[in-house]
């Protein structure tokens, strides 16, 4: 366990030492391979199928399909852009199976 922590700290030190503001592990651009949404600028690491590679993707726009939450850090549908809400049935089964998809709606318009 200690070896894993040391390797992780070493990897983070290398990432922060790189002069490029993008980094090697975090702050990735759209289209770059990722393992978790935290790595992406958009905060959405997206994959099409369970066997495809995950890549950073833009957040979902209004009237697009979206995911409200993921337990694994990788989405099949990206969360909504800022100011939009993902209208979805939020169940624990949907979160575990990653099938809790909805539609992005403008929060101010949906209240009226």
PDB file of N, CA and C in Angstrom:
ATOM      1  N   UNK A   1       0.821  -1.186   0.000  1.00  0.00           N
ATOM      2  CA  UNK A   1       0.000   0.000   0.000  1.00  0.00           C
ATOM      3  C   UNK A   1       0.872   1.260   0.000  1.00  0.00           C
ATOM      4  N   UNK A   2       1.963   1.217   0.758  1.00  0.00           N
ATOM      5  CA  UNK A   2       2.862   2.364   0.804  1.00  0.00           C
ATOM      6  C   UNK A   2       3.503   2.622  -0.552  1.00  0.00           C
ATOM      7  N   UNK A   3       3.829   1.550  -1.269  1.00  0.00           N
ATOM      8  CA  UNK A   3       4.441   1.701  -2.592  1.00  0.00           C
ATOM      9  C   UNK A   3       3.475   2.382  -3.551  1.00  0.00           C
ATOM     10  N   UNK A   4       2.199   2.039  -3.465  1.00  0.00           N
ATOM     11  CA  UNK A   4       1.192   2.651  -4.336  1.00  0.00           C
ATOM     12  C   UNK A   4       1.086   4.142  -4.049  1.00  0.00           C
ATOM     13  N   UNK A   5       1.091   4.509  -2.782  1.00  0.00           N
ATOM     14  CA  UNK A   5       1.012   5.923  -2.420  1.00  0.00           C
ATOM     15  C   UNK A   5       2.235   6.697  -2.899  1.00  0.00           C
ATOM     16  N   UNK A   6       3.395   6.089  -2.777  1.00  0.00           N
ATOM     17  CA  UNK A   6       4.625   6.735  -3.232  1.00  0.00           C
ATOM     18  C   UNK A   6       4.584   6.937  -4.745  1.00  0.00           C
ATOM     19  N   UNK A   7       4.124   5.927  -5.482  1.00  0.00           N
ATOM     20  CA  UNK A   7       4.020   6.053  -6.939  1.00  0.00           C
ATOM     21  C   UNK A   7       3.005   7.125  -7.325  1.00  0.00           C
ATOM     22  N   UNK A   8       1.898   7.180  -6.616  1.00  0.00           N
ATOM     23  CA  UNK A   8       0.887   8.194  -6.893  1.00  0.00           C
ATOM     24  C   UNK A   8       1.430   9.597  -6.640  1.00  0.00           C
ATOM     25  N   UNK A   9       2.118   9.779  -5.533  1.00  0.00           N
ATOM     26  CA  UNK A   9       2.711  11.079  -5.236  1.00  0.00           C
ATOM     27  C   UNK A   9       3.777  11.454  -6.256  1.00  0.00           C
ATOM     28  N   UNK A  10       4.543  10.490  -6.697  1.00  0.00           N
ATOM     29  CA  UNK A  10       5.561  10.744  -7.718  1.00  0.00           C
ATOM     30  C   UNK A  10       4.907  11.160  -9.035  1.00  0.00           C
ATOM     31  N   UNK A  11       3.838  10.475  -9.408  1.00  0.00           N
ATOM     32  CA  UNK A  11       3.126  10.821 -10.645  1.00  0.00           C
ATOM     33  C   UNK A  11       2.543  12.228 -10.561  1.00  0.00           C
ATOM     34  N   UNK A  12       1.977  12.575  -9.414  1.00  0.00           N
ATOM     35  CA  UNK A  12       1.430  13.924  -9.249  1.00  0.00           C
ATOM     36  C   UNK A  12       2.534  14.980  -9.284  1.00  0.00           C
ATOM     37  N   UNK A  13       3.685  14.678  -8.699  1.00  0.00           N
ATOM     38  CA  UNK A  13       4.800  15.622  -8.725  1.00  0.00           C
ATOM     39  C   UNK A  13       5.274  15.868 -10.153  1.00  0.00           C
ATOM     40  N   UNK A  14       5.334  14.818 -10.957  1.00  0.00           N
ATOM     41  CA  UNK A  14       5.731  14.955 -12.358  1.00  0.00           C
ATOM     42  C   UNK A  14       4.702  15.778 -13.115  1.00  0.00           C
ATOM     43  N   UNK A  15       3.418  15.537 -12.855  1.00  0.00           N
ATOM     44  CA  UNK A  15       2.357  16.269 -13.542  1.00  0.00           C
ATOM     45  C   UNK A  15       2.420  17.765 -13.240  1.00  0.00           C
ATOM     46  N   UNK A  16       2.686  18.115 -11.998  1.00  0.00           N
ATOM     47  CA  UNK A  16       2.756  19.520 -11.628  1.00  0.00           C
ATOM     48  C   UNK A  16       4.065  20.172 -12.055  1.00  0.00           C
ATOM     49  N   UNK A  17       5.097  19.396 -12.305  1.00  0.00           N
ATOM     50  CA  UNK A  17       6.391  19.944 -12.705  1.00  0.00           C
ATOM     51  C   UNK A  17       6.442  20.282 -14.185  1.00  0.00           C
ATOM     52  N   UNK A  18       5.531  19.762 -14.966  1.00  0.00           N
ATOM     53  CA  UNK A  18       5.511  20.001 -16.402  1.00  0.00           C
ATOM     54  C   UNK A  18       5.146  21.463 -16.664  1.00  0.00           C
ATOM     55  N   UNK A  19       5.907  22.180 -17.482  1.00  0.00           N
ATOM     56  CA  UNK A  19       5.630  23.593 -17.715  1.00  0.00           C
ATOM     57  C   UNK A  19       4.324  23.851 -18.478  1.00  0.00           C
ATOM     58  N   UNK A  20       3.856  22.890 -19.264  1.00  0.00           N
ATOM     59  CA  UNK A  20       2.620  23.044 -20.011  1.00  0.00           C
ATOM     60  C   UNK A  20       1.450  23.131 -19.029  1.00  0.00           C
ATOM     61  N   UNK A  21       0.571  24.132 -19.136  1.00  0.00           N
ATOM     62  CA  UNK A  21      -0.525  24.266 -18.178  1.00  0.00           C
ATOM     63  C   UNK A  21      -1.532  23.116 -18.256  1.00  0.00           C
ATOM     64  N   UNK A  22      -1.526  22.382 -19.348  1.00  0.00           N
ATOM     65  CA  UNK A  22      -2.452  21.273 -19.507  1.00  0.00           C
ATOM     66  C   UNK A  22      -2.111  20.126 -18.569  1.00  0.00           C
ATOM     67  N   UNK A  23      -0.852  19.826 -18.367  1.00  0.00           N
ATOM     68  CA  UNK A  23      -0.449  18.730 -17.504  1.00  0.00           C
ATOM     69  C   UNK A  23      -0.524  17.391 -18.222  1.00  0.00           C
ATOM     70  N   UNK A  24      -0.074  16.348 -17.546  1.00  0.00           N
ATOM     71  CA  UNK A  24      -0.093  15.010 -18.113  1.00  0.00           C
ATOM     72  C   UNK A  24      -1.286  14.194 -17.638  1.00  0.00           C
ATOM     73  N   UNK A  25      -1.756  14.504 -16.445  1.00  0.00           N
ATOM     74  CA  UNK A  25      -2.785  13.686 -15.830  1.00  0.00           C
ATOM     75  C   UNK A  25      -4.094  14.448 -15.658  1.00  0.00           C
ATOM     76  N   UNK A  26      -4.013  15.740 -15.400  1.00  0.00           N
ATOM     77  CA  UNK A  26      -5.221  16.524 -15.168  1.00  0.00           C
ATOM     78  C   UNK A  26      -5.320  17.669 -16.174  1.00  0.00           C
ATOM     79  N   UNK A  27      -6.476  18.330 -16.210  1.00  0.00           N
ATOM     80  CA  UNK A  27      -6.724  19.472 -17.090  1.00  0.00           C
ATOM     81  C   UNK A  27      -6.617  19.075 -18.565  1.00  0.00           C
ATOM     82  N   UNK A  28      -7.163  17.908 -18.909  1.00  0.00           N
ATOM     83  CA  UNK A  28      -7.078  17.393 -20.268  1.00  0.00           C
ATOM     84  C   UNK A  28      -8.111  18.054 -21.175  1.00  0.00           C
ATOM     85  N   UNK A  29      -7.772  18.204 -22.443  1.00  0.00           N
ATOM     86  CA  UNK A  29      -8.662  18.815 -23.434  1.00  0.00           C
ATOM     87  C   UNK A  29      -9.672  17.789 -23.944  1.00  0.00           C
ATOM     88  N   UNK A  30     -10.698  18.291 -24.649  1.00  0.00           N
ATOM     89  CA  UNK A  30     -11.703  17.404 -25.238  1.00  0.00           C
ATOM     90  C   UNK A  30     -11.034  16.462 -26.244  1.00  0.00           C
ATOM     91  N   UNK A  31     -11.429  15.196 -26.191  1.00  0.00           N
ATOM     92  CA  UNK A  31     -10.896  14.199 -27.103  1.00  0.00           C
ATOM     93  C   UNK A  31      -9.721  13.407 -26.559  1.00  0.00           C
ATOM     94  N   UNK A  32      -9.129  13.859 -25.461  1.00  0.00           N
ATOM     95  CA  UNK A  32      -7.992  13.141 -24.893  1.00  0.00           C
ATOM     96  C   UNK A  32      -8.479  12.003 -23.995  1.00  0.00           C
ATOM     97  N   UNK A  33      -7.703  10.912 -23.964  1.00  0.00           N
ATOM     98  CA  UNK A  33      -8.060   9.756 -23.156  1.00  0.00           C
ATOM     99  C   UNK A  33      -8.052  10.097 -21.675  1.00  0.00           C
ATOM    100  N   UNK A  34      -9.016   9.536 -20.937  1.00  0.00           N
ATOM    101  CA  UNK A  34      -9.108   9.799 -19.500  1.00  0.00           C
ATOM    102  C   UNK A  34      -9.572   8.539 -18.773  1.00  0.00           C
ATOM    103  N   UNK A  35      -9.372   8.538 -17.472  1.00  0.00           N
ATOM    104  CA  UNK A  35      -9.835   7.446 -16.614  1.00  0.00           C
ATOM    105  C   UNK A  35     -10.941   7.893 -15.671  1.00  0.00           C
ATOM    106  N   UNK A  36     -11.026   9.222 -15.438  1.00  0.00           N
ATOM    107  CA  UNK A  36     -12.000   9.760 -14.508  1.00  0.00           C
ATOM    108  C   UNK A  36     -12.325  11.190 -14.916  1.00  0.00           C
ATOM    109  N   UNK A  37     -13.527  11.646 -14.603  1.00  0.00           N
ATOM    110  CA  UNK A  37     -13.969  12.986 -14.999  1.00  0.00           C
ATOM    111  C   UNK A  37     -13.158  14.098 -14.353  1.00  0.00           C
ATOM    112  N   UNK A  38     -12.516  13.830 -13.236  1.00  0.00           N
ATOM    113  CA  UNK A  38     -11.706  14.842 -12.553  1.00  0.00           C
ATOM    114  C   UNK A  38     -10.545  15.288 -13.434  1.00  0.00           C
ATOM    115  N   UNK A  39     -10.095  14.424 -14.324  1.00  0.00           N
ATOM    116  CA  UNK A  39      -8.959  14.738 -15.182  1.00  0.00           C
ATOM    117  C   UNK A  39      -9.292  15.743 -16.277  1.00  0.00           C
ATOM    118  N   UNK A  40     -10.545  15.871 -16.652  1.00  0.00           N
ATOM    119  CA  UNK A  40     -10.951  16.682 -17.804  1.00  0.00           C
ATOM    120  C   UNK A  40     -11.263  18.119 -17.419  1.00  0.00           C
ATOM    121  N   UNK A  41     -10.955  19.043 -18.336  1.00  0.00           N
ATOM    122  CA  UNK A  41     -11.323  20.443 -18.130  1.00  0.00           C
ATOM    123  C   UNK A  41     -12.836  20.574 -17.988  1.00  0.00           C
ATOM    124  N   UNK A  42     -13.573  19.827 -18.792  1.00  0.00           N
ATOM    125  CA  UNK A  42     -15.034  19.905 -18.785  1.00  0.00           C
ATOM    126  C   UNK A  42     -15.654  19.124 -17.634  1.00  0.00           C
ATOM    127  N   UNK A  43     -14.849  18.342 -16.942  1.00  0.00           N
ATOM    128  CA  UNK A  43     -15.315  17.465 -15.846  1.00  0.00           C
ATOM    129  C   UNK A  43     -16.261  16.385 -16.368  1.00  0.00           C
ATOM    130  N   UNK A  44     -16.049  15.939 -17.610  1.00  0.00           N
ATOM    131  CA  UNK A  44     -16.835  14.847 -18.167  1.00  0.00           C
ATOM    132  C   UNK A  44     -15.926  13.898 -18.940  1.00  0.00           C
ATOM    133  N   UNK A  45     -15.688  12.734 -18.366  1.00  0.00           N
ATOM    134  CA  UNK A  45     -14.960  11.655 -19.032  1.00  0.00           C
ATOM    135  C   UNK A  45     -16.043  10.723 -19.590  1.00  0.00           C
ATOM    136  N   UNK A  46     -16.145  10.636 -20.901  1.00  0.00           N
ATOM    137  CA  UNK A  46     -17.274   9.999 -21.584  1.00  0.00           C
ATOM    138  C   UNK A  46     -16.838   8.773 -22.368  1.00  0.00           C
ATOM    139  N   UNK A  47     -17.677   7.729 -22.342  1.00  0.00           N
ATOM    140  CA  UNK A  47     -17.454   6.552 -23.190  1.00  0.00           C
ATOM    141  C   UNK A  47     -18.775   6.182 -23.851  1.00  0.00           C
ATOM    142  N   UNK A  48     -18.696   5.611 -25.053  1.00  0.00           N
ATOM    143  CA  UNK A  48     -19.907   5.230 -25.789  1.00  0.00           C
ATOM    144  C   UNK A  48     -20.470   3.900 -25.309  1.00  0.00           C
ATOM    145  N   UNK A  49     -19.591   2.933 -25.103  1.00  0.00           N
ATOM    146  CA  UNK A  49     -20.019   1.602 -24.658  1.00  0.00           C
ATOM    147  C   UNK A  49     -19.110   1.150 -23.518  1.00  0.00           C
ATOM    148  N   UNK A  50     -19.456   0.037 -22.911  1.00  0.00           N
ATOM    149  CA  UNK A  50     -18.655  -0.495 -21.822  1.00  0.00           C
ATOM    150  C   UNK A  50     -17.272  -0.945 -22.249  1.00  0.00           C
ATOM    151  N   UNK A  51     -17.064  -1.191 -23.542  1.00  0.00           N
ATOM    152  CA  UNK A  51     -15.767  -1.660 -24.040  1.00  0.00           C
ATOM    153  C   UNK A  51     -14.956  -0.574 -24.735  1.00  0.00           C
ATOM    154  N   UNK A  52     -15.534   0.608 -24.924  1.00  0.00           N
ATOM    155  CA  UNK A  52     -14.814   1.675 -25.617  1.00  0.00           C
ATOM    156  C   UNK A  52     -13.911   2.443 -24.650  1.00  0.00           C
ATOM    157  N   UNK A  53     -12.947   3.142 -25.212  1.00  0.00           N
ATOM    158  CA  UNK A  53     -12.051   3.972 -24.421  1.00  0.00           C
ATOM    159  C   UNK A  53     -12.763   5.262 -24.044  1.00  0.00           C
ATOM    160  N   UNK A  54     -12.528   5.736 -22.844  1.00  0.00           N
ATOM    161  CA  UNK A  54     -13.152   6.973 -22.381  1.00  0.00           C
ATOM    162  C   UNK A  54     -12.300   8.166 -22.803  1.00  0.00           C
ATOM    163  N   UNK A  55     -12.984   9.221 -23.221  1.00  0.00           N
ATOM    164  CA  UNK A  55     -12.322  10.453 -23.641  1.00  0.00           C
ATOM    165  C   UNK A  55     -13.038  11.650 -23.033  1.00  0.00           C
ATOM    166  N   UNK A  56     -12.303  12.729 -22.842  1.00  0.00           N
ATOM    167  CA  UNK A  56     -12.905  13.953 -22.332  1.00  0.00           C
ATOM    168  C   UNK A  56     -13.879  14.498 -23.373  1.00  0.00           C
ATOM    169  N   UNK A  57     -15.042  14.953 -22.913  1.00  0.00           N
ATOM    170  CA  UNK A  57     -16.086  15.443 -23.809  1.00  0.00           C
ATOM    171  C   UNK A  57     -16.725  16.689 -23.206  1.00  0.00           C
ATOM    172  N   UNK A  58     -17.367  17.514 -24.056  1.00  0.00           N
ATOM    173  CA  UNK A  58     -18.047  18.697 -23.524  1.00  0.00           C
ATOM    174  C   UNK A  58     -19.302  18.302 -22.753  1.00  0.00           C
ATOM    175  N   UNK A  59     -19.729  19.161 -21.858  1.00  0.00           N
ATOM    176  CA  UNK A  59     -20.948  18.898 -21.100  1.00  0.00           C
ATOM    177  C   UNK A  59     -22.161  18.996 -22.020  1.00  0.00           C
ATOM    178  N   UNK A  60     -23.259  18.365 -21.606  1.00  0.00           N
ATOM    179  CA  UNK A  60     -24.477  18.315 -22.420  1.00  0.00           C
ATOM    180  C   UNK A  60     -25.157  19.677 -22.474  1.00  0.00           C
ATOM    181  N   UNK A  61     -25.708  20.002 -23.643  1.00  0.00           N
ATOM    182  CA  UNK A  61     -26.412  21.266 -23.841  1.00  0.00           C
ATOM    183  C   UNK A  61     -27.894  21.104 -23.571  1.00  0.00           C
ATOM    184  N   UNK A  62     -28.627  22.187 -23.640  1.00  0.00           N
ATOM    185  CA  UNK A  62     -30.064  22.155 -23.381  1.00  0.00           C
ATOM    186  C   UNK A  62     -30.759  21.211 -24.359  1.00  0.00           C
ATOM    187  N   UNK A  63     -31.671  20.419 -23.858  1.00  0.00           N
ATOM    188  CA  UNK A  63     -32.462  19.426 -24.603  1.00  0.00           C
ATOM    189  C   UNK A  63     -31.654  18.203 -25.026  1.00  0.00           C
ATOM    190  N   UNK A  64     -30.426  18.070 -24.525  1.00  0.00           N
ATOM    191  CA  UNK A  64     -29.603  16.896 -24.823  1.00  0.00           C
ATOM    192  C   UNK A  64     -29.760  15.874 -23.702  1.00  0.00           C
ATOM    193  N   UNK A  65     -29.445  14.611 -24.018  1.00  0.00           N
ATOM    194  CA  UNK A  65     -29.458  13.578 -22.979  1.00  0.00           C
ATOM    195  C   UNK A  65     -28.314  13.825 -22.002  1.00  0.00           C
ATOM    196  N   UNK A  66     -28.552  13.469 -20.736  1.00  0.00           N
ATOM    197  CA  UNK A  66     -27.550  13.719 -19.710  1.00  0.00           C
ATOM    198  C   UNK A  66     -27.612  12.648 -18.626  1.00  0.00           C
ATOM    199  N   UNK A  67     -26.583  12.608 -17.811  1.00  0.00           N
ATOM    200  CA  UNK A  67     -26.550  11.793 -16.600  1.00  0.00           C
ATOM    201  C   UNK A  67     -26.451  12.754 -15.428  1.00  0.00           C
ATOM    202  N   UNK A  68     -27.204  12.476 -14.384  1.00  0.00           N
ATOM    203  CA  UNK A  68     -27.167  13.343 -13.217  1.00  0.00           C
ATOM    204  C   UNK A  68     -25.941  13.057 -12.355  1.00  0.00           C
ATOM    205  N   UNK A  69     -25.533  11.791 -12.279  1.00  0.00           N
ATOM    206  CA  UNK A  69     -24.469  11.403 -11.363  1.00  0.00           C
ATOM    207  C   UNK A  69     -23.912  10.058 -11.796  1.00  0.00           C
ATOM    208  N   UNK A  70     -22.639   9.827 -11.524  1.00  0.00           N
ATOM    209  CA  UNK A  70     -22.047   8.520 -11.766  1.00  0.00           C
ATOM    210  C   UNK A  70     -21.191   8.137 -10.562  1.00  0.00           C
ATOM    211  N   UNK A  71     -21.244   6.874 -10.198  1.00  0.00           N
ATOM    212  CA  UNK A  71     -20.435   6.386  -9.088  1.00  0.00           C
ATOM    213  C   UNK A  71     -18.993   6.132  -9.513  1.00  0.00           C
ATOM    214  N   UNK A  72     -18.768   5.932 -10.796  1.00  0.00           N
ATOM    215  CA  UNK A  72     -17.473   5.475 -11.288  1.00  0.00           C
ATOM    216  C   UNK A  72     -16.586   6.584 -11.845  1.00  0.00           C
ATOM    217  N   UNK A  73     -17.113   7.782 -12.068  1.00  0.00           N
ATOM    218  CA  UNK A  73     -16.317   8.874 -12.603  1.00  0.00           C
ATOM    219  C   UNK A  73     -16.258   8.904 -14.111  1.00  0.00           C
ATOM    220  N   UNK A  74     -16.933   7.971 -14.788  1.00  0.00           N
ATOM    221  CA  UNK A  74     -16.989   7.940 -16.250  1.00  0.00           C
ATOM    222  C   UNK A  74     -18.464   7.897 -16.651  1.00  0.00           C
ATOM    223  N   UNK A  75     -18.836   8.759 -17.571  1.00  0.00           N
ATOM    224  CA  UNK A  75     -20.229   8.899 -17.990  1.00  0.00           C
ATOM    225  C   UNK A  75     -20.498   8.252 -19.346  1.00  0.00           C
ATOM    226  N   UNK A  76     -21.724   7.755 -19.540  1.00  0.00           N
ATOM    227  CA  UNK A  76     -22.199   7.369 -20.864  1.00  0.00           C
ATOM    228  C   UNK A  76     -22.892   8.563 -21.511  1.00  0.00           C
ATOM    229  N   UNK A  77     -23.428   9.465 -20.700  1.00  0.00           N
ATOM    230  CA  UNK A  77     -23.995  10.743 -21.133  1.00  0.00           C
ATOM    231  C   UNK A  77     -23.430  11.790 -20.177  1.00  0.00           C
ATOM    232  N   UNK A  78     -22.871  12.865 -20.708  1.00  0.00           N
ATOM    233  CA  UNK A  78     -22.244  13.880 -19.857  1.00  0.00           C
ATOM    234  C   UNK A  78     -23.285  14.649 -19.052  1.00  0.00           C
ATOM    235  N   UNK A  79     -22.879  15.199 -17.906  1.00  0.00           N
ATOM    236  CA  UNK A  79     -23.792  16.054 -17.142  1.00  0.00           C
ATOM    237  C   UNK A  79     -24.039  17.365 -17.898  1.00  0.00           C
ATOM    238  N   UNK A  80     -25.018  18.112 -17.439  1.00  0.00           N
ATOM    239  CA  UNK A  80     -25.427  19.347 -18.122  1.00  0.00           C
ATOM    240  C   UNK A  80     -24.437  20.488 -17.911  1.00  0.00           C
ATOM    241  N   UNK A  81     -24.485  21.445 -18.858  1.00  0.00           N
ATOM    242  CA  UNK A  81     -23.708  22.669 -18.730  1.00  0.00           C
ATOM    243  C   UNK A  81     -24.201  23.471 -17.531  1.00  0.00           C
ATOM    244  N   UNK A  82     -23.425  24.429 -17.138  1.00  0.00           N
ATOM    245  CA  UNK A  82     -23.776  25.290 -16.003  1.00  0.00           C
ATOM    246  C   UNK A  82     -25.093  26.023 -16.282  1.00  0.00           C
ATOM    247  N   UNK A  83     -25.962  26.063 -15.291  1.00  0.00           N
ATOM    248  CA  UNK A  83     -27.250  26.737 -15.426  1.00  0.00           C
ATOM    249  C   UNK A  83     -28.369  25.812 -15.869  1.00  0.00           C
ATOM    250  N   UNK A  84     -28.023  24.587 -16.264  1.00  0.00           N
ATOM    251  CA  UNK A  84     -29.025  23.607 -16.676  1.00  0.00           C
ATOM    252  C   UNK A  84     -29.122  22.513 -15.618  1.00  0.00           C
ATOM    253  N   UNK A  85     -30.274  21.866 -15.561  1.00  0.00           N
ATOM    254  CA  UNK A  85     -30.436  20.739 -14.646  1.00  0.00           C
ATOM    255  C   UNK A  85     -30.810  19.500 -15.442  1.00  0.00           C
ATOM    256  N   UNK A  86     -30.374  18.373 -14.954  1.00  0.00           N
ATOM    257  CA  UNK A  86     -30.675  17.099 -15.600  1.00  0.00           C
ATOM    258  C   UNK A  86     -31.930  16.528 -14.948  1.00  0.00           C
ATOM    259  N   UNK A  87     -33.050  16.585 -15.680  1.00  0.00           N
ATOM    260  CA  UNK A  87     -34.323  16.070 -15.175  1.00  0.00           C
ATOM    261  C   UNK A  87     -34.321  14.561 -15.405  1.00  0.00           C
ATOM    262  N   UNK A  88     -34.127  13.804 -14.315  1.00  0.00           N
ATOM    263  CA  UNK A  88     -33.983  12.359 -14.415  1.00  0.00           C
ATOM    264  C   UNK A  88     -34.550  11.711 -13.160  1.00  0.00           C
ATOM    265  N   UNK A  89     -34.977  10.471 -13.286  1.00  0.00           N
ATOM    266  CA  UNK A  89     -35.416   9.696 -12.132  1.00  0.00           C
ATOM    267  C   UNK A  89     -34.155   9.232 -11.406  1.00  0.00           C
ATOM    268  N   UNK A  90     -33.887   9.779 -10.239  1.00  0.00           N
ATOM    269  CA  UNK A  90     -32.660   9.477  -9.503  1.00  0.00           C
ATOM    270  C   UNK A  90     -32.882   8.276  -8.587  1.00  0.00           C
ATOM    271  N   UNK A  91     -32.393   7.133  -9.019  1.00  0.00           N
ATOM    272  CA  UNK A  91     -32.491   5.928  -8.197  1.00  0.00           C
ATOM    273  C   UNK A  91     -31.105   5.353  -8.018  1.00  0.00           C
ATOM    274  N   UNK A  92     -30.920   4.600  -6.949  1.00  0.00           N
ATOM    275  CA  UNK A  92     -29.614   3.978  -6.693  1.00  0.00           C
ATOM    276  C   UNK A  92     -29.314   2.911  -7.736  1.00  0.00           C
ATOM    277  N   UNK A  93     -30.336   2.209  -8.214  1.00  0.00           N
ATOM    278  CA  UNK A  93     -30.123   1.187  -9.251  1.00  0.00           C
ATOM    279  C   UNK A  93     -29.627   1.835 -10.530  1.00  0.00           C
ATOM    280  N   UNK A  94     -30.211   2.969 -10.895  1.00  0.00           N
ATOM    281  CA  UNK A  94     -29.755   3.681 -12.088  1.00  0.00           C
ATOM    282  C   UNK A  94     -28.329   4.170 -11.959  1.00  0.00           C
ATOM    283  N   UNK A  95     -27.935   4.579 -10.756  1.00  0.00           N
ATOM    284  CA  UNK A  95     -26.560   5.040 -10.536  1.00  0.00           C
ATOM    285  C   UNK A  95     -25.573   3.891 -10.626  1.00  0.00           C
ATOM    286  N   UNK A  96     -25.939   2.742 -10.082  1.00  0.00           N
ATOM    287  CA  UNK A  96     -25.042   1.584 -10.100  1.00  0.00           C
ATOM    288  C   UNK A  96     -24.879   1.039 -11.511  1.00  0.00           C
ATOM    289  N   UNK A  97     -25.986   0.933 -12.249  1.00  0.00           N
ATOM    290  CA  UNK A  97     -25.937   0.383 -13.606  1.00  0.00           C
ATOM    291  C   UNK A  97     -25.619   1.442 -14.649  1.00  0.00           C
ATOM    292  N   UNK A  98     -25.496   2.707 -14.217  1.00  0.00           N
ATOM    293  CA  UNK A  98     -25.175   3.823 -15.100  1.00  0.00           C
ATOM    294  C   UNK A  98     -26.209   3.971 -16.214  1.00  0.00           C
ATOM    295  N   UNK A  99     -27.488   3.858 -15.851  1.00  0.00           N
ATOM    296  CA  UNK A  99     -28.567   4.004 -16.827  1.00  0.00           C
ATOM    297  C   UNK A  99     -29.542   5.103 -16.422  1.00  0.00           C
ATOM    298  N   UNK A 100     -29.142   5.975 -15.522  1.00  0.00           N
ATOM    299  CA  UNK A 100     -30.028   7.044 -15.072  1.00  0.00           C
ATOM    300  C   UNK A 100     -29.881   8.263 -15.987  1.00  0.00           C
ATOM    301  N   UNK A 101     -30.389   8.158 -17.220  1.00  0.00           N
ATOM    302  CA  UNK A 101     -30.275   9.234 -18.194  1.00  0.00           C
ATOM    303  C   UNK A 101     -31.510  10.111 -18.156  1.00  0.00           C
ATOM    304  N   UNK A 102     -31.325  11.385 -18.456  1.00  0.00           N
ATOM    305  CA  UNK A 102     -32.423  12.330 -18.493  1.00  0.00           C
ATOM    306  C   UNK A 102     -32.193  13.336 -19.601  1.00  0.00           C
ATOM    307  N   UNK A 103     -32.813  14.521 -19.452  1.00  0.00           N
ATOM    308  CA  UNK A 103     -32.712  15.588 -20.443  1.00  0.00           C
ATOM    309  C   UNK A 103     -32.317  16.874 -19.733  1.00  0.00           C
ATOM    310  N   UNK A 104     -31.401  17.630 -20.324  1.00  0.00           N
ATOM    311  CA  UNK A 104     -30.981  18.907 -19.753  1.00  0.00           C
ATOM    312  C   UNK A 104     -32.052  19.962 -20.002  1.00  0.00           C
ATOM    313  N   UNK A 105     -32.476  20.616 -18.930  1.00  0.00           N
ATOM    314  CA  UNK A 105     -33.468  21.678 -19.029  1.00  0.00           C
ATOM    315  C   UNK A 105     -32.966  22.918 -18.307  1.00  0.00           C
ATOM    316  N   UNK A 106     -33.379  24.080 -18.796  1.00  0.00           N
ATOM    317  CA  UNK A 106     -33.032  25.338 -18.147  1.00  0.00           C
ATOM    318  C   UNK A 106     -33.802  25.425 -16.842  1.00  0.00           C
ATOM    319  N   UNK A 107     -33.102  25.577 -15.741  1.00  0.00           N
ATOM    320  CA  UNK A 107     -33.725  25.591 -14.417  1.00  0.00           C
ATOM    321  C   UNK A 107     -34.706  26.738 -14.265  1.00  0.00           C
ATOM    322  N   UNK A 108     -34.403  27.899 -14.826  1.00  0.00           N
ATOM    323  CA  UNK A 108     -35.291  29.057 -14.681  1.00  0.00           C
ATOM    324  C   UNK A 108     -36.583  28.883 -15.484  1.00  0.00           C
ATOM    325  N   UNK A 109     -36.519  28.234 -16.629  1.00  0.00           N
ATOM    326  CA  UNK A 109     -37.724  28.013 -17.440  1.00  0.00           C
ATOM    327  C   UNK A 109     -38.582  26.893 -16.906  1.00  0.00           C
ATOM    328  N   UNK A 110     -37.959  25.863 -16.286  1.00  0.00           N
ATOM    329  CA  UNK A 110     -38.730  24.717 -15.805  1.00  0.00           C
ATOM    330  C   UNK A 110     -39.545  25.069 -14.564  1.00  0.00           C
ATOM    331  N   UNK A 111     -39.197  26.131 -13.850  1.00  0.00           N
ATOM    332  CA  UNK A 111     -39.931  26.540 -12.653  1.00  0.00           C
ATOM    333  C   UNK A 111     -41.226  27.253 -12.999  1.00  0.00           C
ATOM    334  N   UNK A 112     -41.289  27.851 -14.180  1.00  0.00           N
ATOM    335  CA  UNK A 112     -42.464  28.647 -14.567  1.00  0.00           C
ATOM    336  C   UNK A 112     -43.639  27.792 -14.972  1.00  0.00           C
TER     337      UNK A 112
END
